[in-house]
Amino acid sequence: MEEERPDPEKILKEITFEEEKQYWGKLKIFFGYAAGVGKTYTMLKAARRLQKNGTDVVIGYLEPHARPETMKLAEGLEQVPVKQVEYNGMQLKEMDIDAVLRRHPQVVLVDEYAHTNVNRSRHQKRYQDVEEILKAGISVYTTVNVQHIESLCDIVASITGIIVKERIPDSAFDSADEVQIVDIEPEDLLERFEEGKVYRKEQASRAMEHFFTIEKLTALREIALRRLTE
């Protein structure tokens, strides 16, 4: 049986892509198994270390967390102005890609990698915004939870009973140059909820009744650790 000959055009495209990617920025993902484990906090601490060592680092988009300890870490870091976008009579904030590209720092922080942008945005998803920034030679720090990875959505839904709509393709996760797991014991995470360090008291109580139980958190943590080893 005659062996299938390699496609020269495909090989050339692969070589060209690898050559171009040498000039891309680097992608680092802070990865967790649930809200509140400390992804954004850890990302900001890493950014502060970069800044202290002379790296030009800015915030491109930071989710407005009601967490004083986290937001305090953002103080002293330059924030690129976000866009105000009107949607259904509401004013929403989105990352301004063009402003980030004009500023052109060495590293930009972009919270919530799986976020879906408002209609009429240049890209539908934030991970696509990140890819454009990387192609411009800017490195990106970002955050994501295990339930947002496409191939894991069904198994996570079977555990939590919640179908997550905001997703990233596995390729967007696997393309990262570095993934840092942000991990705490489920018992410690529940304690943070009870203390109101993740959500406000009423919101935290509802979350602990449904999504944040010790059994569900333990299962999600195991899935996250297994996915990282892959």
C-alpha atoms as a PDB file:
ATOM      1  CA  MET A   1       0.000   0.000   0.000  1.00  0.00           C
ATOM      2  CA  GLU A   2       1.424   3.353  -1.037  1.00  0.00           C
ATOM      3  CA  GLU A   3       2.128   5.727   1.851  1.00  0.00           C
ATOM      4  CA  GLU A   4       0.314   9.040   1.816  1.00  0.00           C
ATOM      5  CA  ARG A   5       2.681  11.807   0.801  1.00  0.00           C
ATOM      6  CA  PRO A   6       3.000  14.833   3.110  1.00  0.00           C
ATOM      7  CA  ASP A   7       1.172  17.959   1.940  1.00  0.00           C
ATOM      8  CA  PRO A   8       3.881  20.561   1.154  1.00  0.00           C
ATOM      9  CA  GLU A   9       1.462  23.478   1.674  1.00  0.00           C
ATOM     10  CA  LYS A  10       0.430  22.174   5.086  1.00  0.00           C
ATOM     11  CA  ILE A  11       4.063  21.727   6.117  1.00  0.00           C
ATOM     12  CA  LEU A  12       4.894  25.259   4.940  1.00  0.00           C
ATOM     13  CA  LYS A  13       1.967  26.711   6.910  1.00  0.00           C
ATOM     14  CA  GLU A  14       3.096  24.886  10.046  1.00  0.00           C
ATOM     15  CA  ILE A  15       6.668  26.160   9.653  1.00  0.00           C
ATOM     16  CA  THR A  16       5.452  29.722   9.013  1.00  0.00           C
ATOM     17  CA  PHE A  17       3.179  29.573  12.063  1.00  0.00           C
ATOM     18  CA  GLU A  18       6.003  28.380  14.321  1.00  0.00           C
ATOM     19  CA  GLU A  19       8.304  31.103  13.008  1.00  0.00           C
ATOM     20  CA  GLU A  20       5.670  33.789  13.603  1.00  0.00           C
ATOM     21  CA  LYS A  21       4.862  32.487  17.083  1.00  0.00           C
ATOM     22  CA  GLN A  22       8.427  33.170  18.184  1.00  0.00           C
ATOM     23  CA  TYR A  23       7.487  36.848  18.219  1.00  0.00           C
ATOM     24  CA  TRP A  24       4.214  36.407  20.121  1.00  0.00           C
ATOM     25  CA  GLY A  25       3.869  37.303  23.780  1.00  0.00           C
ATOM     26  CA  LYS A  26       3.716  34.504  26.349  1.00  0.00           C
ATOM     27  CA  LEU A  27       0.451  33.336  27.893  1.00  0.00           C
ATOM     28  CA  LYS A  28       0.237  32.424  31.577  1.00  0.00           C
ATOM     29  CA  ILE A  29      -3.025  31.075  33.004  1.00  0.00           C
ATOM     30  CA  PHE A  30      -3.896  31.118  36.705  1.00  0.00           C
ATOM     31  CA  PHE A  31      -6.136  28.076  36.948  1.00  0.00           C
ATOM     32  CA  GLY A  32      -8.596  27.130  39.688  1.00  0.00           C
ATOM     33  CA  TYR A  33     -11.385  24.722  40.482  1.00  0.00           C
ATOM     34  CA  ALA A  34     -13.919  27.292  41.749  1.00  0.00           C
ATOM     35  CA  ALA A  35     -14.524  30.962  42.393  1.00  0.00           C
ATOM     36  CA  GLY A  36     -12.748  32.221  45.489  1.00  0.00           C
ATOM     37  CA  VAL A  37      -9.657  30.014  45.420  1.00  0.00           C
ATOM     38  CA  GLY A  38      -7.514  33.120  44.816  1.00  0.00           C
ATOM     39  CA  LYS A  39      -6.735  33.212  41.082  1.00  0.00           C
ATOM     40  CA  THR A  40      -6.990  36.991  40.655  1.00  0.00           C
ATOM     41  CA  TYR A  41      -5.224  37.603  43.979  1.00  0.00           C
ATOM     42  CA  THR A  42      -2.341  35.340  42.935  1.00  0.00           C
ATOM     43  CA  MET A  43      -2.171  36.946  39.484  1.00  0.00           C
ATOM     44  CA  LEU A  44      -1.949  40.427  41.033  1.00  0.00           C
ATOM     45  CA  LYS A  45       0.777  39.306  43.446  1.00  0.00           C
ATOM     46  CA  ALA A  46       2.760  37.935  40.499  1.00  0.00           C
ATOM     47  CA  ALA A  47       2.257  41.234  38.660  1.00  0.00           C
ATOM     48  CA  ARG A  48       3.526  43.206  41.650  1.00  0.00           C
ATOM     49  CA  ARG A  49       6.688  41.072  41.674  1.00  0.00           C
ATOM     50  CA  LEU A  50       7.191  41.740  37.960  1.00  0.00           C
ATOM     51  CA  GLN A  51       6.729  45.463  38.512  1.00  0.00           C
ATOM     52  CA  LYS A  52       9.235  45.436  41.389  1.00  0.00           C
ATOM     53  CA  ASN A  53      11.778  43.786  39.074  1.00  0.00           C
ATOM     54  CA  GLY A  54      11.339  46.486  36.434  1.00  0.00           C
ATOM     55  CA  THR A  55       8.849  44.800  34.074  1.00  0.00           C
ATOM     56  CA  ASP A  56       6.343  47.108  32.381  1.00  0.00           C
ATOM     57  CA  VAL A  57       3.069  45.517  33.524  1.00  0.00           C
ATOM     58  CA  VAL A  58      -0.456  46.974  33.323  1.00  0.00           C
ATOM     59  CA  ILE A  59      -4.031  45.892  33.999  1.00  0.00           C
ATOM     60  CA  GLY A  60      -6.060  45.482  30.818  1.00  0.00           C
ATOM     61  CA  TYR A  61      -9.194  44.258  32.546  1.00  0.00           C
ATOM     62  CA  LEU A  62      -9.863  43.370  36.162  1.00  0.00           C
ATOM     63  CA  GLU A  63     -13.204  41.961  37.248  1.00  0.00           C
ATOM     64  CA  PRO A  64     -14.644  44.319  39.895  1.00  0.00           C
ATOM     65  CA  HIS A  65     -14.437  41.869  42.799  1.00  0.00           C
ATOM     66  CA  ALA A  66     -16.024  42.861  46.111  1.00  0.00           C
ATOM     67  CA  ARG A  67     -12.880  41.591  47.827  1.00  0.00           C
ATOM     68  CA  PRO A  68     -10.857  44.314  49.585  1.00  0.00           C
ATOM     69  CA  GLU A  69      -7.683  42.221  49.889  1.00  0.00           C
ATOM     70  CA  THR A  70      -7.684  41.511  46.151  1.00  0.00           C
ATOM     71  CA  MET A  71      -8.484  45.055  45.056  1.00  0.00           C
ATOM     72  CA  LYS A  72      -5.800  46.481  47.357  1.00  0.00           C
ATOM     73  CA  LEU A  73      -3.192  44.528  45.370  1.00  0.00           C
ATOM     74  CA  ALA A  74      -4.297  46.374  42.222  1.00  0.00           C
ATOM     75  CA  GLU A  75      -3.299  49.699  43.774  1.00  0.00           C
ATOM     76  CA  GLY A  76      -0.100  50.999  42.227  1.00  0.00           C
ATOM     77  CA  LEU A  77      -0.560  49.028  39.007  1.00  0.00           C
ATOM     78  CA  GLU A  78      -1.407  51.090  35.938  1.00  0.00           C
ATOM     79  CA  GLN A  79      -4.873  50.339  34.561  1.00  0.00           C
ATOM     80  CA  VAL A  80      -5.576  50.806  30.861  1.00  0.00           C
ATOM     81  CA  PRO A  81      -8.973  52.559  30.562  1.00  0.00           C
ATOM     82  CA  VAL A  82     -11.796  50.160  29.692  1.00  0.00           C
ATOM     83  CA  LYS A  83     -14.568  50.752  27.164  1.00  0.00           C
ATOM     84  CA  GLN A  84     -18.058  51.705  28.280  1.00  0.00           C
ATOM     85  CA  VAL A  85     -20.520  49.768  26.126  1.00  0.00           C
ATOM     86  CA  GLU A  86     -24.295  50.235  26.165  1.00  0.00           C
ATOM     87  CA  TYR A  87     -26.284  47.012  26.104  1.00  0.00           C
ATOM     88  CA  ASN A  88     -30.049  46.731  26.712  1.00  0.00           C
ATOM     89  CA  GLY A  89     -30.062  50.091  28.424  1.00  0.00           C
ATOM     90  CA  MET A  90     -27.140  49.206  30.704  1.00  0.00           C
ATOM     91  CA  GLN A  91     -23.598  50.551  30.701  1.00  0.00           C
ATOM     92  CA  LEU A  92     -21.155  47.633  30.668  1.00  0.00           C
ATOM     93  CA  LYS A  93     -17.374  47.645  30.837  1.00  0.00           C
ATOM     94  CA  GLU A  94     -15.217  45.727  28.360  1.00  0.00           C
ATOM     95  CA  MET A  95     -11.489  45.599  27.786  1.00  0.00           C
ATOM     96  CA  ASP A  96     -10.300  48.118  25.196  1.00  0.00           C
ATOM     97  CA  ILE A  97      -8.015  46.053  22.948  1.00  0.00           C
ATOM     98  CA  ASP A  98      -6.905  49.045  20.907  1.00  0.00           C
ATOM     99  CA  ALA A  99      -5.938  50.960  24.060  1.00  0.00           C
ATOM    100  CA  VAL A 100      -3.889  47.959  25.231  1.00  0.00           C
ATOM    101  CA  LEU A 101      -2.167  47.681  21.850  1.00  0.00           C
ATOM    102  CA  ARG A 102      -1.359  51.412  21.817  1.00  0.00           C
ATOM    103  CA  ARG A 103       0.040  51.243  25.342  1.00  0.00           C
ATOM    104  CA  HIS A 104       1.999  48.079  24.392  1.00  0.00           C
ATOM    105  CA  PRO A 105       3.327  46.995  27.807  1.00  0.00           C
ATOM    106  CA  GLN A 106       5.509  43.945  28.297  1.00  0.00           C
ATOM    107  CA  VAL A 107       2.760  42.183  30.275  1.00  0.00           C
ATOM    108  CA  VAL A 108      -0.971  42.869  30.558  1.00  0.00           C
ATOM    109  CA  LEU A 109      -3.379  41.337  33.089  1.00  0.00           C
ATOM    110  CA  VAL A 110      -6.679  40.166  31.594  1.00  0.00           C
ATOM    111  CA  ASP A 111      -9.069  38.682  34.147  1.00  0.00           C
ATOM    112  CA  GLU A 112     -11.783  36.127  33.216  1.00  0.00           C
ATOM    113  CA  TYR A 113     -10.341  34.374  30.145  1.00  0.00           C
ATOM    114  CA  ALA A 114     -13.691  32.709  29.299  1.00  0.00           C
ATOM    115  CA  HIS A 115     -15.733  35.937  29.319  1.00  0.00           C
ATOM    116  CA  THR A 116     -18.206  36.542  26.466  1.00  0.00           C
ATOM    117  CA  ASN A 117     -17.964  40.061  25.067  1.00  0.00           C
ATOM    118  CA  VAL A 118     -20.928  42.332  24.437  1.00  0.00           C
ATOM    119  CA  ASN A 119     -22.464  42.122  20.965  1.00  0.00           C
ATOM    120  CA  ARG A 120     -20.722  44.213  18.315  1.00  0.00           C
ATOM    121  CA  SER A 121     -17.349  43.756  19.993  1.00  0.00           C
ATOM    122  CA  ARG A 122     -14.452  42.962  17.674  1.00  0.00           C
ATOM    123  CA  HIS A 123     -14.296  39.418  19.012  1.00  0.00           C
ATOM    124  CA  GLN A 124     -17.044  37.330  20.517  1.00  0.00           C
ATOM    125  CA  LYS A 125     -14.868  35.947  23.316  1.00  0.00           C
ATOM    126  CA  ARG A 126     -12.156  37.363  25.546  1.00  0.00           C
ATOM    127  CA  TYR A 127      -9.766  34.509  24.761  1.00  0.00           C
ATOM    128  CA  GLN A 128      -9.844  35.813  21.164  1.00  0.00           C
ATOM    129  CA  ASP A 129      -8.963  39.290  22.463  1.00  0.00           C
ATOM    130  CA  VAL A 130      -6.041  37.701  24.284  1.00  0.00           C
ATOM    131  CA  GLU A 131      -4.826  35.974  21.119  1.00  0.00           C
ATOM    132  CA  GLU A 132      -4.758  39.302  19.272  1.00  0.00           C
ATOM    133  CA  ILE A 133      -2.747  40.851  22.098  1.00  0.00           C
ATOM    134  CA  LEU A 134      -0.306  37.928  22.117  1.00  0.00           C
ATOM    135  CA  LYS A 135       0.221  38.262  18.369  1.00  0.00           C
ATOM    136  CA  ALA A 136       1.248  41.884  18.957  1.00  0.00           C
ATOM    137  CA  GLY A 137       4.132  40.658  21.108  1.00  0.00           C
ATOM    138  CA  ILE A 138       2.545  41.443  24.481  1.00  0.00           C
ATOM    139  CA  SER A 139       2.537  38.759  27.185  1.00  0.00           C
ATOM    140  CA  VAL A 140      -0.730  38.060  29.008  1.00  0.00           C
ATOM    141  CA  TYR A 141      -1.608  36.874  32.504  1.00  0.00           C
ATOM    142  CA  THR A 142      -5.188  35.600  32.760  1.00  0.00           C
ATOM    143  CA  THR A 143      -7.528  33.548  34.975  1.00  0.00           C
ATOM    144  CA  VAL A 144      -9.950  30.685  34.370  1.00  0.00           C
ATOM    145  CA  ASN A 145     -11.787  27.949  36.288  1.00  0.00           C
ATOM    146  CA  VAL A 146     -12.020  24.289  35.360  1.00  0.00           C
ATOM    147  CA  GLN A 147     -15.751  24.447  34.519  1.00  0.00           C
ATOM    148  CA  HIS A 148     -15.057  26.808  31.610  1.00  0.00           C
ATOM    149  CA  ILE A 149     -12.961  24.310  29.603  1.00  0.00           C
ATOM    150  CA  GLU A 150     -15.059  22.953  26.748  1.00  0.00           C
ATOM    151  CA  SER A 151     -14.239  19.247  27.107  1.00  0.00           C
ATOM    152  CA  LEU A 152     -14.976  19.299  30.852  1.00  0.00           C
ATOM    153  CA  CYS A 153     -18.305  21.151  30.778  1.00  0.00           C
ATOM    154  CA  ASP A 154     -20.451  18.013  30.679  1.00  0.00           C
ATOM    155  CA  ILE A 155     -18.686  16.253  33.550  1.00  0.00           C
ATOM    156  CA  VAL A 156     -18.768  19.435  35.636  1.00  0.00           C
ATOM    157  CA  ALA A 157     -22.501  19.838  34.881  1.00  0.00           C
ATOM    158  CA  SER A 158     -23.108  16.253  36.035  1.00  0.00           C
ATOM    159  CA  ILE A 159     -21.476  17.108  39.378  1.00  0.00           C
ATOM    160  CA  THR A 160     -22.865  20.576  39.986  1.00  0.00           C
ATOM    161  CA  GLY A 161     -26.146  20.473  38.059  1.00  0.00           C
ATOM    162  CA  ILE A 162     -25.148  23.745  36.402  1.00  0.00           C
ATOM    163  CA  ILE A 163     -24.466  24.095  32.670  1.00  0.00           C
ATOM    164  CA  VAL A 164     -21.781  26.717  32.135  1.00  0.00           C
ATOM    165  CA  LYS A 165     -22.315  28.840  29.021  1.00  0.00           C
ATOM    166  CA  GLU A 166     -19.048  30.748  29.071  1.00  0.00           C
ATOM    167  CA  ARG A 167     -16.471  28.339  27.686  1.00  0.00           C
ATOM    168  CA  ILE A 168     -13.069  28.257  26.073  1.00  0.00           C
ATOM    169  CA  PRO A 169     -11.954  25.595  23.592  1.00  0.00           C
ATOM    170  CA  ASP A 170      -9.345  23.206  24.947  1.00  0.00           C
ATOM    171  CA  SER A 171      -6.879  24.629  22.418  1.00  0.00           C
ATOM    172  CA  ALA A 172      -7.082  28.046  24.128  1.00  0.00           C
ATOM    173  CA  PHE A 173      -6.076  26.390  27.397  1.00  0.00           C
ATOM    174  CA  ASP A 174      -3.462  24.047  25.952  1.00  0.00           C
ATOM    175  CA  SER A 175      -1.765  26.881  24.045  1.00  0.00           C
ATOM    176  CA  ALA A 176      -0.639  28.495  27.315  1.00  0.00           C
ATOM    177  CA  ASP A 177       3.105  28.750  27.847  1.00  0.00           C
ATOM    178  CA  GLU A 178       2.543  28.285  31.570  1.00  0.00           C
ATOM    179  CA  VAL A 179      -0.383  27.204  33.754  1.00  0.00           C
ATOM    180  CA  GLN A 180      -0.253  27.849  37.493  1.00  0.00           C
ATOM    181  CA  ILE A 181      -2.761  25.993  39.627  1.00  0.00           C
ATOM    182  CA  VAL A 182      -4.221  28.133  42.405  1.00  0.00           C
ATOM    183  CA  ASP A 183      -5.324  25.603  44.965  1.00  0.00           C
ATOM    184  CA  ILE A 184      -6.731  25.592  48.496  1.00  0.00           C
ATOM    185  CA  GLU A 185      -8.487  22.869  50.475  1.00  0.00           C
ATOM    186  CA  PRO A 186     -12.274  22.789  49.914  1.00  0.00           C
ATOM    187  CA  GLU A 187     -12.785  23.212  53.674  1.00  0.00           C
ATOM    188  CA  ASP A 188     -10.718  26.405  53.606  1.00  0.00           C
ATOM    189  CA  LEU A 189     -12.676  27.718  50.621  1.00  0.00           C
ATOM    190  CA  LEU A 190     -15.986  27.141  52.422  1.00  0.00           C
ATOM    191  CA  GLU A 191     -14.587  28.984  55.419  1.00  0.00           C
ATOM    192  CA  ARG A 192     -13.761  31.939  53.174  1.00  0.00           C
ATOM    193  CA  PHE A 193     -17.356  31.901  51.936  1.00  0.00           C
ATOM    194  CA  GLU A 194     -18.726  31.887  55.470  1.00  0.00           C
ATOM    195  CA  GLU A 195     -16.521  34.863  56.329  1.00  0.00           C
ATOM    196  CA  GLY A 196     -17.870  36.797  53.325  1.00  0.00           C
ATOM    197  CA  LYS A 197     -14.461  36.994  51.640  1.00  0.00           C
ATOM    198  CA  VAL A 198     -15.698  35.685  48.278  1.00  0.00           C
ATOM    199  CA  TYR A 199     -19.286  36.897  47.899  1.00  0.00           C
ATOM    200  CA  ARG A 200     -21.526  39.066  50.025  1.00  0.00           C
ATOM    201  CA  LYS A 201     -23.245  37.165  52.846  1.00  0.00           C
ATOM    202  CA  GLU A 202     -26.611  36.512  51.148  1.00  0.00           C
ATOM    203  CA  GLN A 203     -25.017  35.537  47.848  1.00  0.00           C
ATOM    204  CA  ALA A 204     -22.515  33.308  49.664  1.00  0.00           C
ATOM    205  CA  SER A 205     -25.302  31.507  51.551  1.00  0.00           C
ATOM    206  CA  ARG A 206     -27.161  30.717  48.311  1.00  0.00           C
ATOM    207  CA  ALA A 207     -23.959  29.501  46.662  1.00  0.00           C
ATOM    208  CA  MET A 208     -23.143  27.211  49.597  1.00  0.00           C
ATOM    209  CA  GLU A 209     -26.609  25.673  49.452  1.00  0.00           C
ATOM    210  CA  HIS A 210     -26.285  24.722  45.796  1.00  0.00           C
ATOM    211  CA  PHE A 211     -22.862  24.884  44.116  1.00  0.00           C
ATOM    212  CA  PHE A 212     -20.376  25.094  46.968  1.00  0.00           C
ATOM    213  CA  THR A 213     -20.694  21.892  48.942  1.00  0.00           C
ATOM    214  CA  ILE A 214     -17.700  19.923  50.187  1.00  0.00           C
ATOM    215  CA  GLU A 215     -18.514  16.963  47.918  1.00  0.00           C
ATOM    216  CA  LYS A 216     -18.838  19.071  44.758  1.00  0.00           C
ATOM    217  CA  LEU A 217     -15.759  21.163  45.484  1.00  0.00           C
ATOM    218  CA  THR A 218     -13.674  18.043  46.164  1.00  0.00           C
ATOM    219  CA  ALA A 219     -14.748  16.528  42.844  1.00  0.00           C
ATOM    220  CA  LEU A 220     -14.033  19.766  40.933  1.00  0.00           C
ATOM    221  CA  ARG A 221     -10.623  20.025  42.538  1.00  0.00           C
ATOM    222  CA  GLU A 222      -9.733  16.486  41.456  1.00  0.00           C
ATOM    223  CA  ILE A 223     -10.811  17.259  37.874  1.00  0.00           C
ATOM    224  CA  ALA A 224      -8.719  20.444  37.807  1.00  0.00           C
ATOM    225  CA  LEU A 225      -5.601  18.702  39.109  1.00  0.00           C
ATOM    226  CA  ARG A 226      -6.058  15.841  36.636  1.00  0.00           C
ATOM    227  CA  ARG A 227      -6.503  18.271  33.717  1.00  0.00           C
ATOM    228  CA  LEU A 228      -3.368  20.146  34.695  1.00  0.00           C
ATOM    229  CA  THR A 229      -1.264  16.963  34.681  1.00  0.00           C
ATOM    230  CA  GLU A 230      -2.374  16.350  31.099  1.00  0.00           C
END
